Amino acid sequence: MAALQHHLQEGDRASDLIQEAFPPLHQFFQHHIATAQAPETLGTGSNRFQAIQTEVHKQMRLLALDMMFLRTAHPGAKQALRLQQIEQRLNLLQTYCGAIADLLPPP
């Protein structure tokens, strides 16, 4: 996620760099976040864990759509708008990941 956020600052090359960095992020979320099970020690917190997990899944699907729209956006204002939307979605995903980490017991 940090790589995508960094690439947002790359100006003209941002779109291409983001397109390259997205698949590994998507795979990470599919393999580690989407399939994670709430620890039994969470008790009622497992409902919150699952709710956040659902939101992460939804935001990842929307991010994939944003990436598709970015690919077709004309350079200039439209592309800048798409990049801004991607940045907002990445910030939201980062918040959700922090919430999941707060729910999990320390290693």
PDB file of N, CA and C in Angstrom:
ATOM      1  N   MET A   1       0.828  -1.177   0.000  1.00  0.00           N
ATOM      2  CA  MET A   1       0.000   0.000   0.000  1.00  0.00           C
ATOM      3  C   MET A   1       0.878   1.249   0.000  1.00  0.00           C
ATOM      4  N   ALA A   2       1.972   1.185   0.723  1.00  0.00           N
ATOM      5  CA  ALA A   2       2.881   2.326   0.777  1.00  0.00           C
ATOM      6  C   ALA A   2       3.441   2.639  -0.602  1.00  0.00           C
ATOM      7  N   ALA A   3       3.710   1.598  -1.395  1.00  0.00           N
ATOM      8  CA  ALA A   3       4.240   1.807  -2.747  1.00  0.00           C
ATOM      9  C   ALA A   3       3.229   2.551  -3.603  1.00  0.00           C
ATOM     10  N   LEU A   4       1.970   2.175  -3.509  1.00  0.00           N
ATOM     11  CA  LEU A   4       0.939   2.876  -4.281  1.00  0.00           C
ATOM     12  C   LEU A   4       0.833   4.331  -3.840  1.00  0.00           C
ATOM     13  N   GLN A   5       0.846   4.553  -2.536  1.00  0.00           N
ATOM     14  CA  GLN A   5       0.754   5.924  -2.039  1.00  0.00           C
ATOM     15  C   GLN A   5       1.955   6.745  -2.492  1.00  0.00           C
ATOM     16  N   HIS A   6       3.126   6.138  -2.501  1.00  0.00           N
ATOM     17  CA  HIS A   6       4.325   6.836  -2.960  1.00  0.00           C
ATOM     18  C   HIS A   6       4.213   7.187  -4.446  1.00  0.00           C
ATOM     19  N   HIS A   7       3.718   6.252  -5.243  1.00  0.00           N
ATOM     20  CA  HIS A   7       3.602   6.466  -6.687  1.00  0.00           C
ATOM     21  C   HIS A   7       2.607   7.564  -7.035  1.00  0.00           C
ATOM     22  N   LEU A   8       1.672   7.847  -6.139  1.00  0.00           N
ATOM     23  CA  LEU A   8       0.710   8.919  -6.397  1.00  0.00           C
ATOM     24  C   LEU A   8       1.420  10.269  -6.535  1.00  0.00           C
ATOM     25  N   GLN A   9       2.616  10.370  -5.986  1.00  0.00           N
ATOM     26  CA  GLN A   9       3.372  11.619  -6.014  1.00  0.00           C
ATOM     27  C   GLN A   9       4.295  11.733  -7.227  1.00  0.00           C
ATOM     28  N   GLU A  10       4.262  10.762  -8.121  1.00  0.00           N
ATOM     29  CA  GLU A  10       5.208  10.694  -9.231  1.00  0.00           C
ATOM     30  C   GLU A  10       4.829  11.535 -10.452  1.00  0.00           C
ATOM     31  N   GLY A  11       3.790  12.327 -10.358  1.00  0.00           N
ATOM     32  CA  GLY A  11       3.422  13.204 -11.473  1.00  0.00           C
ATOM     33  C   GLY A  11       2.967  12.448 -12.702  1.00  0.00           C
ATOM     34  N   ASP A  12       3.591  12.736 -13.851  1.00  0.00           N
ATOM     35  CA  ASP A  12       3.178  12.166 -15.135  1.00  0.00           C
ATOM     36  C   ASP A  12       3.256  10.643 -15.155  1.00  0.00           C
ATOM     37  N   ARG A  13       4.198  10.080 -14.442  1.00  0.00           N
ATOM     38  CA  ARG A  13       4.382   8.629 -14.450  1.00  0.00           C
ATOM     39  C   ARG A  13       3.496   7.928 -13.435  1.00  0.00           C
ATOM     40  N   ALA A  14       2.749   8.668 -12.625  1.00  0.00           N
ATOM     41  CA  ALA A  14       1.973   8.079 -11.531  1.00  0.00           C
ATOM     42  C   ALA A  14       1.028   6.991 -12.013  1.00  0.00           C
ATOM     43  N   SER A  15       0.317   7.243 -13.087  1.00  0.00           N
ATOM     44  CA  SER A  15      -0.668   6.276 -13.575  1.00  0.00           C
ATOM     45  C   SER A  15      -0.029   4.933 -13.906  1.00  0.00           C
ATOM     46  N   ASP A  16       1.055   4.948 -14.650  1.00  0.00           N
ATOM     47  CA  ASP A  16       1.726   3.701 -15.032  1.00  0.00           C
ATOM     48  C   ASP A  16       2.291   2.973 -13.812  1.00  0.00           C
ATOM     49  N   LEU A  17       2.904   3.726 -12.900  1.00  0.00           N
ATOM     50  CA  LEU A  17       3.501   3.117 -11.714  1.00  0.00           C
ATOM     51  C   LEU A  17       2.439   2.496 -10.813  1.00  0.00           C
ATOM     52  N   ILE A  18       1.305   3.163 -10.690  1.00  0.00           N
ATOM     53  CA  ILE A  18       0.217   2.650  -9.862  1.00  0.00           C
ATOM     54  C   ILE A  18      -0.364   1.381 -10.475  1.00  0.00           C
ATOM     55  N   GLN A  19      -0.509   1.383 -11.790  1.00  0.00           N
ATOM     56  CA  GLN A  19      -1.039   0.193 -12.471  1.00  0.00           C
ATOM     57  C   GLN A  19      -0.136  -1.015 -12.215  1.00  0.00           C
ATOM     58  N   GLU A  20       1.166  -0.800 -12.163  1.00  0.00           N
ATOM     59  CA  GLU A  20       2.110  -1.891 -11.924  1.00  0.00           C
ATOM     60  C   GLU A  20       2.091  -2.346 -10.461  1.00  0.00           C
ATOM     61  N   ALA A  21       1.867  -1.420  -9.539  1.00  0.00           N
ATOM     62  CA  ALA A  21       1.931  -1.738  -8.111  1.00  0.00           C
ATOM     63  C   ALA A  21       0.631  -2.328  -7.566  1.00  0.00           C
ATOM     64  N   PHE A  22      -0.467  -2.194  -8.288  1.00  0.00           N
ATOM     65  CA  PHE A  22      -1.751  -2.652  -7.766  1.00  0.00           C
ATOM     66  C   PHE A  22      -1.884  -4.173  -7.664  1.00  0.00           C
ATOM     67  N   PRO A  23      -1.507  -4.958  -8.670  1.00  0.00           N
ATOM     68  CA  PRO A  23      -1.721  -6.414  -8.560  1.00  0.00           C
ATOM     69  C   PRO A  23      -1.111  -7.068  -7.314  1.00  0.00           C
ATOM     70  N   PRO A  24       0.132  -6.725  -6.928  1.00  0.00           N
ATOM     71  CA  PRO A  24       0.656  -7.342  -5.697  1.00  0.00           C
ATOM     72  C   PRO A  24      -0.153  -6.955  -4.453  1.00  0.00           C
ATOM     73  N   LEU A  25      -0.617  -5.716  -4.395  1.00  0.00           N
ATOM     74  CA  LEU A  25      -1.433  -5.282  -3.262  1.00  0.00           C
ATOM     75  C   LEU A  25      -2.744  -6.064  -3.242  1.00  0.00           C
ATOM     76  N   HIS A  26      -3.358  -6.208  -4.388  1.00  0.00           N
ATOM     77  CA  HIS A  26      -4.618  -6.937  -4.484  1.00  0.00           C
ATOM     78  C   HIS A  26      -4.425  -8.390  -4.043  1.00  0.00           C
ATOM     79  N   GLN A  27      -3.351  -9.009  -4.481  1.00  0.00           N
ATOM     80  CA  GLN A  27      -3.055 -10.385  -4.078  1.00  0.00           C
ATOM     81  C   GLN A  27      -2.850 -10.492  -2.572  1.00  0.00           C
ATOM     82  N   PHE A  28      -2.124  -9.537  -2.003  1.00  0.00           N
ATOM     83  CA  PHE A  28      -1.892  -9.547  -0.564  1.00  0.00           C
ATOM     84  C   PHE A  28      -3.214  -9.515   0.187  1.00  0.00           C
ATOM     85  N   PHE A  29      -4.105  -8.617  -0.208  1.00  0.00           N
ATOM     86  CA  PHE A  29      -5.395  -8.517   0.466  1.00  0.00           C
ATOM     87  C   PHE A  29      -6.211  -9.802   0.287  1.00  0.00           C
ATOM     88  N   GLN A  30      -6.171 -10.377  -0.898  1.00  0.00           N
ATOM     89  CA  GLN A  30      -6.923 -11.607  -1.137  1.00  0.00           C
ATOM     90  C   GLN A  30      -6.408 -12.762  -0.278  1.00  0.00           C
ATOM     91  N   HIS A  31      -5.102 -12.863  -0.135  1.00  0.00           N
ATOM     92  CA  HIS A  31      -4.520 -14.001   0.577  1.00  0.00           C
ATOM     93  C   HIS A  31      -4.431 -13.806   2.087  1.00  0.00           C
ATOM     94  N   HIS A  32      -4.309 -12.568   2.540  1.00  0.00           N
ATOM     95  CA  HIS A  32      -4.064 -12.356   3.969  1.00  0.00           C
ATOM     96  C   HIS A  32      -5.230 -11.708   4.712  1.00  0.00           C
ATOM     97  N   ILE A  33      -5.920 -10.792   4.090  1.00  0.00           N
ATOM     98  CA  ILE A  33      -6.996 -10.086   4.790  1.00  0.00           C
ATOM     99  C   ILE A  33      -8.337 -10.770   4.549  1.00  0.00           C
ATOM    100  N   ALA A  34      -8.644 -11.049   3.285  1.00  0.00           N
ATOM    101  CA  ALA A  34      -9.947 -11.630   2.955  1.00  0.00           C
ATOM    102  C   ALA A  34     -10.130 -13.020   3.552  1.00  0.00           C
ATOM    103  N   THR A  35      -9.058 -13.774   3.690  1.00  0.00           N
ATOM    104  CA  THR A  35      -9.169 -15.141   4.188  1.00  0.00           C
ATOM    105  C   THR A  35      -8.875 -15.272   5.683  1.00  0.00           C
ATOM    106  N   ALA A  36      -8.522 -14.168   6.326  1.00  0.00           N
ATOM    107  CA  ALA A  36      -8.179 -14.213   7.752  1.00  0.00           C
ATOM    108  C   ALA A  36      -9.420 -14.551   8.589  1.00  0.00           C
ATOM    109  N   GLN A  37      -9.199 -15.304   9.613  1.00  0.00           N
ATOM    110  CA  GLN A  37     -10.263 -15.650  10.544  1.00  0.00           C
ATOM    111  C   GLN A  37     -10.064 -14.854  11.829  1.00  0.00           C
ATOM    112  N   ALA A  38     -11.150 -14.391  12.389  1.00  0.00           N
ATOM    113  CA  ALA A  38     -11.065 -13.675  13.653  1.00  0.00           C
ATOM    114  C   ALA A  38     -10.642 -14.654  14.746  1.00  0.00           C
ATOM    115  N   PRO A  39      -9.641 -14.298  15.543  1.00  0.00           N
ATOM    116  CA  PRO A  39      -9.229 -15.191  16.626  1.00  0.00           C
ATOM    117  C   PRO A  39     -10.385 -15.421  17.603  1.00  0.00           C
ATOM    118  N   GLU A  40     -10.455 -16.613  18.146  1.00  0.00           N
ATOM    119  CA  GLU A  40     -11.523 -16.940  19.095  1.00  0.00           C
ATOM    120  C   GLU A  40     -11.468 -16.058  20.334  1.00  0.00           C
ATOM    121  N   THR A  41     -10.301 -15.533  20.630  1.00  0.00           N
ATOM    122  CA  THR A  41     -10.143 -14.704  21.826  1.00  0.00           C
ATOM    123  C   THR A  41     -10.846 -13.353  21.695  1.00  0.00           C
ATOM    124  N   LEU A  42     -11.287 -12.996  20.484  1.00  0.00           N
ATOM    125  CA  LEU A  42     -11.959 -11.706  20.298  1.00  0.00           C
ATOM    126  C   LEU A  42     -13.362 -11.689  20.879  1.00  0.00           C
ATOM    127  N   GLY A  43     -13.983 -12.833  20.979  1.00  0.00           N
ATOM    128  CA  GLY A  43     -15.349 -12.886  21.500  1.00  0.00           C
ATOM    129  C   GLY A  43     -16.279 -12.056  20.638  1.00  0.00           C
ATOM    130  N   THR A  44     -16.925 -11.053  21.244  1.00  0.00           N
ATOM    131  CA  THR A  44     -17.853 -10.209  20.490  1.00  0.00           C
ATOM    132  C   THR A  44     -17.125  -9.313  19.492  1.00  0.00           C
ATOM    133  N   GLY A  45     -15.832  -9.149  19.662  1.00  0.00           N
ATOM    134  CA  GLY A  45     -15.045  -8.354  18.715  1.00  0.00           C
ATOM    135  C   GLY A  45     -14.938  -9.015  17.354  1.00  0.00           C
ATOM    136  N   SER A  46     -15.279 -10.298  17.284  1.00  0.00           N
ATOM    137  CA  SER A  46     -15.199 -10.989  15.996  1.00  0.00           C
ATOM    138  C   SER A  46     -16.218 -10.426  15.009  1.00  0.00           C
ATOM    139  N   ASN A  47     -17.348  -9.936  15.520  1.00  0.00           N
ATOM    140  CA  ASN A  47     -18.331  -9.303  14.629  1.00  0.00           C
ATOM    141  C   ASN A  47     -17.741  -8.045  14.003  1.00  0.00           C
ATOM    142  N   ARG A  48     -17.050  -7.263  14.799  1.00  0.00           N
ATOM    143  CA  ARG A  48     -16.395  -6.043  14.288  1.00  0.00           C
ATOM    144  C   ARG A  48     -15.315  -6.423  13.281  1.00  0.00           C
ATOM    145  N   PHE A  49     -14.553  -7.457  13.590  1.00  0.00           N
ATOM    146  CA  PHE A  49     -13.507  -7.934  12.692  1.00  0.00           C
ATOM    147  C   PHE A  49     -14.114  -8.277  11.331  1.00  0.00           C
ATOM    148  N   GLN A  50     -15.203  -9.032  11.335  1.00  0.00           N
ATOM    149  CA  GLN A  50     -15.844  -9.435  10.086  1.00  0.00           C
ATOM    150  C   GLN A  50     -16.432  -8.238   9.339  1.00  0.00           C
ATOM    151  N   ALA A  51     -16.967  -7.262  10.075  1.00  0.00           N
ATOM    152  CA  ALA A  51     -17.522  -6.069   9.437  1.00  0.00           C
ATOM    153  C   ALA A  51     -16.419  -5.273   8.738  1.00  0.00           C
ATOM    154  N   ILE A  52     -15.284  -5.132   9.410  1.00  0.00           N
ATOM    155  CA  ILE A  52     -14.156  -4.415   8.807  1.00  0.00           C
ATOM    156  C   ILE A  52     -13.629  -5.190   7.606  1.00  0.00           C
ATOM    157  N   GLN A  53     -13.560  -6.490   7.741  1.00  0.00           N
ATOM    158  CA  GLN A  53     -13.101  -7.341   6.647  1.00  0.00           C
ATOM    159  C   GLN A  53     -14.010  -7.175   5.418  1.00  0.00           C
ATOM    160  N   THR A  54     -15.306  -7.087   5.653  1.00  0.00           N
ATOM    161  CA  THR A  54     -16.265  -6.871   4.561  1.00  0.00           C
ATOM    162  C   THR A  54     -16.033  -5.518   3.903  1.00  0.00           C
ATOM    163  N   GLU A  55     -15.787  -4.493   4.707  1.00  0.00           N
ATOM    164  CA  GLU A  55     -15.515  -3.158   4.159  1.00  0.00           C
ATOM    165  C   GLU A  55     -14.226  -3.137   3.356  1.00  0.00           C
ATOM    166  N   VAL A  56     -13.219  -3.838   3.833  1.00  0.00           N
ATOM    167  CA  VAL A  56     -11.947  -3.912   3.103  1.00  0.00           C
ATOM    168  C   VAL A  56     -12.190  -4.557   1.740  1.00  0.00           C
ATOM    169  N   HIS A  57     -12.958  -5.638   1.730  1.00  0.00           N
ATOM    170  CA  HIS A  57     -13.253  -6.323   0.474  1.00  0.00           C
ATOM    171  C   HIS A  57     -13.982  -5.384  -0.491  1.00  0.00           C
ATOM    172  N   LYS A  58     -14.949  -4.650   0.021  1.00  0.00           N
ATOM    173  CA  LYS A  58     -15.700  -3.707  -0.815  1.00  0.00           C
ATOM    174  C   LYS A  58     -14.778  -2.614  -1.365  1.00  0.00           C
ATOM    175  N   GLN A  59     -13.929  -2.065  -0.518  1.00  0.00           N
ATOM    176  CA  GLN A  59     -13.029  -0.995  -0.950  1.00  0.00           C
ATOM    177  C   GLN A  59     -12.001  -1.505  -1.961  1.00  0.00           C
ATOM    178  N   MET A  60     -11.580  -2.743  -1.817  1.00  0.00           N
ATOM    179  CA  MET A  60     -10.649  -3.312  -2.794  1.00  0.00           C
ATOM    180  C   MET A  60     -11.328  -3.472  -4.155  1.00  0.00           C
ATOM    181  N   ARG A  61     -12.586  -3.880  -4.166  1.00  0.00           N
ATOM    182  CA  ARG A  61     -13.318  -3.978  -5.436  1.00  0.00           C
ATOM    183  C   ARG A  61     -13.459  -2.598  -6.073  1.00  0.00           C
ATOM    184  N   LEU A  62     -13.777  -1.596  -5.247  1.00  0.00           N
ATOM    185  CA  LEU A  62     -13.902  -0.230  -5.760  1.00  0.00           C
ATOM    186  C   LEU A  62     -12.552   0.306  -6.239  1.00  0.00           C
ATOM    187  N   LEU A  63     -11.491  -0.050  -5.542  1.00  0.00           N
ATOM    188  CA  LEU A  63     -10.151   0.369  -5.966  1.00  0.00           C
ATOM    189  C   LEU A  63      -9.811  -0.248  -7.319  1.00  0.00           C
ATOM    190  N   ALA A  64     -10.201  -1.497  -7.525  1.00  0.00           N
ATOM    191  CA  ALA A  64      -9.971  -2.149  -8.827  1.00  0.00           C
ATOM    192  C   ALA A  64     -10.716  -1.391  -9.925  1.00  0.00           C
ATOM    193  N   LEU A  65     -11.928  -0.942  -9.643  1.00  0.00           N
ATOM    194  CA  LEU A  65     -12.674  -0.139 -10.620  1.00  0.00           C
ATOM    195  C   LEU A  65     -11.980   1.201 -10.860  1.00  0.00           C
ATOM    196  N   ASP A  66     -11.504   1.819  -9.786  1.00  0.00           N
ATOM    197  CA  ASP A  66     -10.768   3.080  -9.927  1.00  0.00           C
ATOM    198  C   ASP A  66      -9.552   2.892 -10.824  1.00  0.00           C
ATOM    199  N   MET A  67      -8.888   1.762 -10.673  1.00  0.00           N
ATOM    200  CA  MET A  67      -7.706   1.488 -11.495  1.00  0.00           C
ATOM    201  C   MET A  67      -8.099   1.337 -12.962  1.00  0.00           C
ATOM    202  N   MET A  68      -9.232   0.687 -13.202  1.00  0.00           N
ATOM    203  CA  MET A  68      -9.702   0.526 -14.570  1.00  0.00           C
ATOM    204  C   MET A  68     -10.037   1.898 -15.181  1.00  0.00           C
ATOM    205  N   PHE A  69     -10.702   2.732 -14.413  1.00  0.00           N
ATOM    206  CA  PHE A  69     -11.042   4.070 -14.904  1.00  0.00           C
ATOM    207  C   PHE A  69      -9.790   4.922 -15.106  1.00  0.00           C
ATOM    208  N   LEU A  70      -8.788   4.738 -14.255  1.00  0.00           N
ATOM    209  CA  LEU A  70      -7.538   5.474 -14.401  1.00  0.00           C
ATOM    210  C   LEU A  70      -6.869   5.118 -15.728  1.00  0.00           C
ATOM    211  N   ARG A  71      -6.923   3.843 -16.069  1.00  0.00           N
ATOM    212  CA  ARG A  71      -6.323   3.390 -17.328  1.00  0.00           C
ATOM    213  C   ARG A  71      -6.906   4.124 -18.532  1.00  0.00           C
ATOM    214  N   THR A  72      -8.200   4.441 -18.469  1.00  0.00           N
ATOM    215  CA  THR A  72      -8.867   5.066 -19.615  1.00  0.00           C
ATOM    216  C   THR A  72      -8.971   6.590 -19.493  1.00  0.00           C
ATOM    217  N   ALA A  73      -8.542   7.138 -18.354  1.00  0.00           N
ATOM    218  CA  ALA A  73      -8.656   8.585 -18.146  1.00  0.00           C
ATOM    219  C   ALA A  73      -7.660   9.337 -19.025  1.00  0.00           C
ATOM    220  N   HIS A  74      -8.126  10.439 -19.573  1.00  0.00           N
ATOM    221  CA  HIS A  74      -7.242  11.306 -20.358  1.00  0.00           C
ATOM    222  C   HIS A  74      -6.338  12.083 -19.399  1.00  0.00           C
ATOM    223  N   PRO A  75      -5.088  12.279 -19.803  1.00  0.00           N
ATOM    224  CA  PRO A  75      -4.183  13.063 -18.943  1.00  0.00           C
ATOM    225  C   PRO A  75      -4.783  14.437 -18.655  1.00  0.00           C
ATOM    226  N   GLY A  76      -4.483  14.920 -17.492  1.00  0.00           N
ATOM    227  CA  GLY A  76      -4.993  16.237 -17.107  1.00  0.00           C
ATOM    228  C   GLY A  76      -5.943  16.114 -15.938  1.00  0.00           C
ATOM    229  N   ALA A  77      -7.035  16.866 -16.008  1.00  0.00           N
ATOM    230  CA  ALA A  77      -7.966  16.965 -14.890  1.00  0.00           C
ATOM    231  C   ALA A  77      -8.611  15.624 -14.543  1.00  0.00           C
ATOM    232  N   LYS A  78      -9.033  14.874 -15.549  1.00  0.00           N
ATOM    233  CA  LYS A  78      -9.681  13.584 -15.290  1.00  0.00           C
ATOM    234  C   LYS A  78      -8.720  12.619 -14.601  1.00  0.00           C
ATOM    235  N   GLN A  79      -7.500  12.574 -15.087  1.00  0.00           N
ATOM    236  CA  GLN A  79      -6.516  11.684 -14.490  1.00  0.00           C
ATOM    237  C   GLN A  79      -6.201  12.121 -13.057  1.00  0.00           C
ATOM    238  N   ALA A  80      -6.100  13.409 -12.835  1.00  0.00           N
ATOM    239  CA  ALA A  80      -5.831  13.934 -11.494  1.00  0.00           C
ATOM    240  C   ALA A  80      -6.971  13.570 -10.541  1.00  0.00           C
ATOM    241  N   LEU A  81      -8.207  13.640 -11.026  1.00  0.00           N
ATOM    242  CA  LEU A  81      -9.357  13.272 -10.211  1.00  0.00           C
ATOM    243  C   LEU A  81      -9.304  11.791  -9.846  1.00  0.00           C
ATOM    244  N   ARG A  82      -8.975  10.947 -10.808  1.00  0.00           N
ATOM    245  CA  ARG A  82      -8.873   9.507 -10.545  1.00  0.00           C
ATOM    246  C   ARG A  82      -7.768   9.223  -9.528  1.00  0.00           C
ATOM    247  N   LEU A  83      -6.644   9.889  -9.668  1.00  0.00           N
ATOM    248  CA  LEU A  83      -5.539   9.696  -8.728  1.00  0.00           C
ATOM    249  C   LEU A  83      -5.943  10.128  -7.319  1.00  0.00           C
ATOM    250  N   GLN A  84      -6.706  11.204  -7.233  1.00  0.00           N
ATOM    251  CA  GLN A  84      -7.182  11.676  -5.935  1.00  0.00           C
ATOM    252  C   GLN A  84      -8.141  10.649  -5.313  1.00  0.00           C
ATOM    253  N   GLN A  85      -9.024  10.074  -6.124  1.00  0.00           N
ATOM    254  CA  GLN A  85      -9.940   9.054  -5.624  1.00  0.00           C
ATOM    255  C   GLN A  85      -9.179   7.827  -5.133  1.00  0.00           C
ATOM    256  N   ILE A  86      -8.150   7.441  -5.867  1.00  0.00           N
ATOM    257  CA  ILE A  86      -7.334   6.294  -5.466  1.00  0.00           C
ATOM    258  C   ILE A  86      -6.638   6.592  -4.143  1.00  0.00           C
ATOM    259  N   GLU A  87      -6.114   7.787  -4.006  1.00  0.00           N
ATOM    260  CA  GLU A  87      -5.436   8.164  -2.763  1.00  0.00           C
ATOM    261  C   GLU A  87      -6.399   8.107  -1.576  1.00  0.00           C
ATOM    262  N   GLN A  88      -7.616   8.616  -1.759  1.00  0.00           N
ATOM    263  CA  GLN A  88      -8.609   8.572  -0.685  1.00  0.00           C
ATOM    264  C   GLN A  88      -8.967   7.132  -0.315  1.00  0.00           C
ATOM    265  N   ARG A  89      -9.101   6.287  -1.322  1.00  0.00           N
ATOM    266  CA  ARG A  89      -9.444   4.890  -1.060  1.00  0.00           C
ATOM    267  C   ARG A  89      -8.295   4.180  -0.339  1.00  0.00           C
ATOM    268  N   LEU A  90      -7.055   4.471  -0.721  1.00  0.00           N
ATOM    269  CA  LEU A  90      -5.901   3.870  -0.047  1.00  0.00           C
ATOM    270  C   LEU A  90      -5.826   4.314   1.415  1.00  0.00           C
ATOM    271  N   ASN A  91      -6.126   5.577   1.668  1.00  0.00           N
ATOM    272  CA  ASN A  91      -6.131   6.073   3.048  1.00  0.00           C
ATOM    273  C   ASN A  91      -7.200   5.354   3.874  1.00  0.00           C
ATOM    274  N   LEU A  92      -8.365   5.142   3.277  1.00  0.00           N
ATOM    275  CA  LEU A  92      -9.438   4.430   3.964  1.00  0.00           C
ATOM    276  C   LEU A  92      -9.031   2.979   4.243  1.00  0.00           C
ATOM    277  N   LEU A  93      -8.422   2.329   3.267  1.00  0.00           N
ATOM    278  CA  LEU A  93      -7.955   0.958   3.469  1.00  0.00           C
ATOM    279  C   LEU A  93      -6.907   0.886   4.579  1.00  0.00           C
ATOM    280  N   GLN A  94      -6.060   1.874   4.636  1.00  0.00           N
ATOM    281  CA  GLN A  94      -5.039   1.909   5.681  1.00  0.00           C
ATOM    282  C   GLN A  94      -5.700   2.042   7.060  1.00  0.00           C
ATOM    283  N   THR A  95      -6.749   2.841   7.140  1.00  0.00           N
ATOM    284  CA  THR A  95      -7.489   2.990   8.392  1.00  0.00           C
ATOM    285  C   THR A  95      -8.118   1.667   8.802  1.00  0.00           C
ATOM    286  N   TYR A  96      -8.725   0.977   7.844  1.00  0.00           N
ATOM    287  CA  TYR A  96      -9.335  -0.319   8.136  1.00  0.00           C
ATOM    288  C   TYR A  96      -8.291  -1.336   8.600  1.00  0.00           C
ATOM    289  N   CYS A  97      -7.147  -1.340   7.957  1.00  0.00           N
ATOM    290  CA  CYS A  97      -6.084  -2.274   8.362  1.00  0.00           C
ATOM    291  C   CYS A  97      -5.613  -1.974   9.772  1.00  0.00           C
ATOM    292  N   GLY A  98      -5.535  -0.703  10.103  1.00  0.00           N
ATOM    293  CA  GLY A  98      -5.177  -0.324  11.473  1.00  0.00           C
ATOM    294  C   GLY A  98      -6.217  -0.792  12.479  1.00  0.00           C
ATOM    295  N   ALA A  99      -7.492  -0.713  12.094  1.00  0.00           N
ATOM    296  CA  ALA A  99      -8.565  -1.172  12.984  1.00  0.00           C
ATOM    297  C   ALA A  99      -8.489  -2.679  13.190  1.00  0.00           C
ATOM    298  N   ILE A 100      -8.174  -3.415  12.132  1.00  0.00           N
ATOM    299  CA  ILE A 100      -8.016  -4.868  12.265  1.00  0.00           C
ATOM    300  C   ILE A 100      -6.825  -5.181  13.169  1.00  0.00           C
ATOM    301  N   ALA A 101      -5.734  -4.474  12.972  1.00  0.00           N
ATOM    302  CA  ALA A 101      -4.544  -4.705  13.794  1.00  0.00           C
ATOM    303  C   ALA A 101      -4.841  -4.412  15.267  1.00  0.00           C
ATOM    304  N   ASP A 102      -5.659  -3.393  15.536  1.00  0.00           N
ATOM    305  CA  ASP A 102      -6.016  -3.065  16.924  1.00  0.00           C
ATOM    306  C   ASP A 102      -6.836  -4.164  17.571  1.00  0.00           C
ATOM    307  N   LEU A 103      -7.609  -4.897  16.774  1.00  0.00           N
ATOM    308  CA  LEU A 103      -8.430  -5.962  17.315  1.00  0.00           C
ATOM    309  C   LEU A 103      -7.636  -7.233  17.639  1.00  0.00           C
ATOM    310  N   LEU A 104      -6.540  -7.416  16.929  1.00  0.00           N
ATOM    311  CA  LEU A 104      -5.765  -8.638  17.098  1.00  0.00           C
ATOM    312  C   LEU A 104      -4.852  -8.544  18.320  1.00  0.00           C
ATOM    313  N   PRO A 105      -4.661  -9.680  19.000  1.00  0.00           N
ATOM    314  CA  PRO A 105      -3.755  -9.652  20.155  1.00  0.00           C
ATOM    315  C   PRO A 105      -2.309  -9.446  19.688  1.00  0.00           C
ATOM    316  N   PRO A 106      -1.473  -8.857  20.521  1.00  0.00           N
ATOM    317  CA  PRO A 106      -0.073  -8.662  20.132  1.00  0.00           C
ATOM    318  C   PRO A 106       0.617 -10.008  19.911  1.00  0.00           C
ATOM    319  N   PRO A 107       1.571 -10.029  18.978  1.00  0.00           N
ATOM    320  CA  PRO A 107       2.268 -11.306  18.688  1.00  0.00           C
ATOM    321  C   PRO A 107       3.113 -11.790  19.835  1.00  0.00           C
TER     322      PRO A 107
END
